[in-house]
């Protein structure tokens, strides 16, 4: 499996773990804790494999974190009715833009 697929899986697992924290409703529904632990455990394992495959840590973590933030905000709005204002959207866009700059900077540094 290539490193980009592994990173995408790690992002999805992290988002599932984070959304499950919300679904757990404190500890009112503790079965969600299994999804939280599996999601975060799988996400960290996936990121570790991505790093072992040679992706720079700044790129891997930046994409993982920014994608997680963006997807969690959108999914939280869709699933739980969380607010998704234009200011939140602008923040998400800035985070994604920052990650893209890190990625492009990493590629240019590798060319030298």
C-alpha atoms as a PDB file:
ATOM      1  CA  UNK A   1       0.000   0.000   0.000  1.00  0.00           C
ATOM      2  CA  UNK A   2       1.463   3.375  -0.895  1.00  0.00           C
ATOM      3  CA  UNK A   3       2.109   6.105   1.641  1.00  0.00           C
ATOM      4  CA  UNK A   4      -0.683   8.395   0.382  1.00  0.00           C
ATOM      5  CA  UNK A   5      -3.299   5.669   0.795  1.00  0.00           C
ATOM      6  CA  UNK A   6      -1.977   4.915   4.273  1.00  0.00           C
ATOM      7  CA  UNK A   7      -2.148   8.599   5.149  1.00  0.00           C
ATOM      8  CA  UNK A   8      -5.744   8.846   3.896  1.00  0.00           C
ATOM      9  CA  UNK A   9      -6.703   5.834   6.019  1.00  0.00           C
ATOM     10  CA  UNK A  10      -4.976   7.398   9.040  1.00  0.00           C
ATOM     11  CA  UNK A  11      -6.966  10.603   8.524  1.00  0.00           C
ATOM     12  CA  UNK A  12     -10.265   8.732   8.298  1.00  0.00           C
ATOM     13  CA  UNK A  13      -9.454   6.742  11.454  1.00  0.00           C
ATOM     14  CA  UNK A  14      -8.510   9.882  13.373  1.00  0.00           C
ATOM     15  CA  UNK A  15     -11.720  11.626  12.332  1.00  0.00           C
ATOM     16  CA  UNK A  16     -13.759   8.556  13.308  1.00  0.00           C
ATOM     17  CA  UNK A  17     -12.071   8.522  16.713  1.00  0.00           C
ATOM     18  CA  UNK A  18     -12.696  12.219  17.274  1.00  0.00           C
ATOM     19  CA  UNK A  19     -16.339  12.059  16.192  1.00  0.00           C
ATOM     20  CA  UNK A  20     -16.809   9.047  18.451  1.00  0.00           C
ATOM     21  CA  UNK A  21     -15.664  11.146  21.408  1.00  0.00           C
ATOM     22  CA  UNK A  22     -18.631  13.389  20.689  1.00  0.00           C
ATOM     23  CA  UNK A  23     -20.996  10.451  20.143  1.00  0.00           C
ATOM     24  CA  UNK A  24     -19.896   8.979  23.463  1.00  0.00           C
ATOM     25  CA  UNK A  25     -21.650  11.901  25.193  1.00  0.00           C
ATOM     26  CA  UNK A  26     -19.279  11.961  28.136  1.00  0.00           C
ATOM     27  CA  UNK A  27     -19.444   8.334  29.197  1.00  0.00           C
ATOM     28  CA  UNK A  28     -23.199   7.997  28.785  1.00  0.00           C
ATOM     29  CA  UNK A  29     -22.649   5.555  25.917  1.00  0.00           C
ATOM     30  CA  UNK A  30     -19.291   3.885  26.688  1.00  0.00           C
ATOM     31  CA  UNK A  31     -19.393   1.525  23.685  1.00  0.00           C
ATOM     32  CA  UNK A  32     -18.158   4.400  21.570  1.00  0.00           C
ATOM     33  CA  UNK A  33     -14.928   4.226  23.575  1.00  0.00           C
ATOM     34  CA  UNK A  34     -13.969   1.163  21.537  1.00  0.00           C
ATOM     35  CA  UNK A  35     -14.246   3.208  18.348  1.00  0.00           C
ATOM     36  CA  UNK A  36     -12.252   6.042  19.941  1.00  0.00           C
ATOM     37  CA  UNK A  37      -9.405   3.730  20.938  1.00  0.00           C
ATOM     38  CA  UNK A  38      -9.434   1.840  17.630  1.00  0.00           C
ATOM     39  CA  UNK A  39      -9.617   5.075  15.629  1.00  0.00           C
ATOM     40  CA  UNK A  40      -6.742   6.824  17.377  1.00  0.00           C
ATOM     41  CA  UNK A  41      -4.649   3.659  17.627  1.00  0.00           C
ATOM     42  CA  UNK A  42      -5.107   2.935  13.940  1.00  0.00           C
ATOM     43  CA  UNK A  43      -4.417   6.555  13.028  1.00  0.00           C
ATOM     44  CA  UNK A  44      -1.122   6.651  14.922  1.00  0.00           C
ATOM     45  CA  UNK A  45      -0.104   3.285  13.488  1.00  0.00           C
ATOM     46  CA  UNK A  46      -0.918   4.544   9.982  1.00  0.00           C
ATOM     47  CA  UNK A  47       1.054   7.765  10.397  1.00  0.00           C
ATOM     48  CA  UNK A  48       4.006   5.774  11.749  1.00  0.00           C
ATOM     49  CA  UNK A  49       3.903   3.573   8.643  1.00  0.00           C
ATOM     50  CA  UNK A  50       3.735   6.664   6.411  1.00  0.00           C
ATOM     51  CA  UNK A  51       6.818   8.093   8.107  1.00  0.00           C
ATOM     52  CA  UNK A  52       8.618   4.764   7.750  1.00  0.00           C
ATOM     53  CA  UNK A  53       7.762   4.819   4.032  1.00  0.00           C
ATOM     54  CA  UNK A  54       9.778   8.026   3.736  1.00  0.00           C
ATOM     55  CA  UNK A  55       7.307  10.893   3.820  1.00  0.00           C
ATOM     56  CA  UNK A  56       8.796  13.911   5.644  1.00  0.00           C
ATOM     57  CA  UNK A  57       7.341  14.324   9.121  1.00  0.00           C
ATOM     58  CA  UNK A  58       6.259  17.932   8.522  1.00  0.00           C
ATOM     59  CA  UNK A  59       4.340  16.962   5.418  1.00  0.00           C
ATOM     60  CA  UNK A  60       2.764  13.833   6.908  1.00  0.00           C
ATOM     61  CA  UNK A  61       1.718  15.499  10.142  1.00  0.00           C
ATOM     62  CA  UNK A  62       0.559  18.664   8.412  1.00  0.00           C
ATOM     63  CA  UNK A  63      -1.680  16.818   5.981  1.00  0.00           C
ATOM     64  CA  UNK A  64      -2.944  14.461   8.690  1.00  0.00           C
ATOM     65  CA  UNK A  65      -3.746  17.270  11.120  1.00  0.00           C
ATOM     66  CA  UNK A  66      -5.215  19.723   8.599  1.00  0.00           C
ATOM     67  CA  UNK A  67      -7.339  17.085   6.908  1.00  0.00           C
ATOM     68  CA  UNK A  68      -8.512  15.901  10.288  1.00  0.00           C
ATOM     69  CA  UNK A  69      -9.495  19.410  11.372  1.00  0.00           C
ATOM     70  CA  UNK A  70     -11.364  20.130   8.135  1.00  0.00           C
ATOM     71  CA  UNK A  71     -13.179  16.795   7.944  1.00  0.00           C
ATOM     72  CA  UNK A  72     -14.060  16.817  11.648  1.00  0.00           C
ATOM     73  CA  UNK A  73     -15.544  20.315  11.400  1.00  0.00           C
ATOM     74  CA  UNK A  74     -17.642  19.425   8.361  1.00  0.00           C
ATOM     75  CA  UNK A  75     -18.730  16.049   9.757  1.00  0.00           C
ATOM     76  CA  UNK A  76     -19.500  17.611  13.147  1.00  0.00           C
ATOM     77  CA  UNK A  77     -21.800  20.074  11.419  1.00  0.00           C
ATOM     78  CA  UNK A  78     -23.476  17.315   9.410  1.00  0.00           C
ATOM     79  CA  UNK A  79     -23.806  14.761  12.213  1.00  0.00           C
ATOM     80  CA  UNK A  80     -24.189  16.843  15.359  1.00  0.00           C
ATOM     81  CA  UNK A  81     -25.436  20.216  14.133  1.00  0.00           C
ATOM     82  CA  UNK A  82     -22.223  22.019  15.092  1.00  0.00           C
ATOM     83  CA  UNK A  83     -21.872  25.505  13.690  1.00  0.00           C
ATOM     84  CA  UNK A  84     -19.950  25.920  10.462  1.00  0.00           C
ATOM     85  CA  UNK A  85     -19.646  29.669   9.923  1.00  0.00           C
ATOM     86  CA  UNK A  86     -17.782  31.540   7.221  1.00  0.00           C
ATOM     87  CA  UNK A  87     -15.078  32.344   9.807  1.00  0.00           C
ATOM     88  CA  UNK A  88     -14.611  28.635  10.547  1.00  0.00           C
ATOM     89  CA  UNK A  89     -14.479  27.992   6.794  1.00  0.00           C
ATOM     90  CA  UNK A  90     -11.826  30.694   6.413  1.00  0.00           C
ATOM     91  CA  UNK A  91      -9.806  29.103   9.218  1.00  0.00           C
ATOM     92  CA  UNK A  92     -10.018  25.719   7.544  1.00  0.00           C
ATOM     93  CA  UNK A  93      -8.892  27.285   4.263  1.00  0.00           C
ATOM     94  CA  UNK A  94      -5.914  28.904   6.012  1.00  0.00           C
ATOM     95  CA  UNK A  95      -4.918  25.593   7.607  1.00  0.00           C
ATOM     96  CA  UNK A  96      -5.121  23.810   4.256  1.00  0.00           C
ATOM     97  CA  UNK A  97      -3.163  26.622   2.607  1.00  0.00           C
ATOM     98  CA  UNK A  98      -0.443  26.347   5.238  1.00  0.00           C
ATOM     99  CA  UNK A  99      -0.140  22.611   4.705  1.00  0.00           C
ATOM    100  CA  UNK A 100       0.119  23.118   0.954  1.00  0.00           C
ATOM    101  CA  UNK A 101       2.950  25.591   1.497  1.00  0.00           C
ATOM    102  CA  UNK A 102       4.775  23.053   3.676  1.00  0.00           C
ATOM    103  CA  UNK A 103       4.262  20.365   1.018  1.00  0.00           C
ATOM    104  CA  UNK A 104       5.502  22.573  -1.816  1.00  0.00           C
ATOM    105  CA  UNK A 105       8.420  23.771   0.283  1.00  0.00           C
ATOM    106  CA  UNK A 106       9.340  20.186   1.058  1.00  0.00           C
ATOM    107  CA  UNK A 107       9.300  19.262  -2.628  1.00  0.00           C
ATOM    108  CA  UNK A 108      11.483  22.225  -3.571  1.00  0.00           C
ATOM    109  CA  UNK A 109      13.967  21.438  -0.794  1.00  0.00           C
ATOM    110  CA  UNK A 110      14.167  17.861  -2.093  1.00  0.00           C
ATOM    111  CA  UNK A 111      15.009  19.113  -5.579  1.00  0.00           C
ATOM    112  CA  UNK A 112      18.093  20.941  -4.327  1.00  0.00           C
END
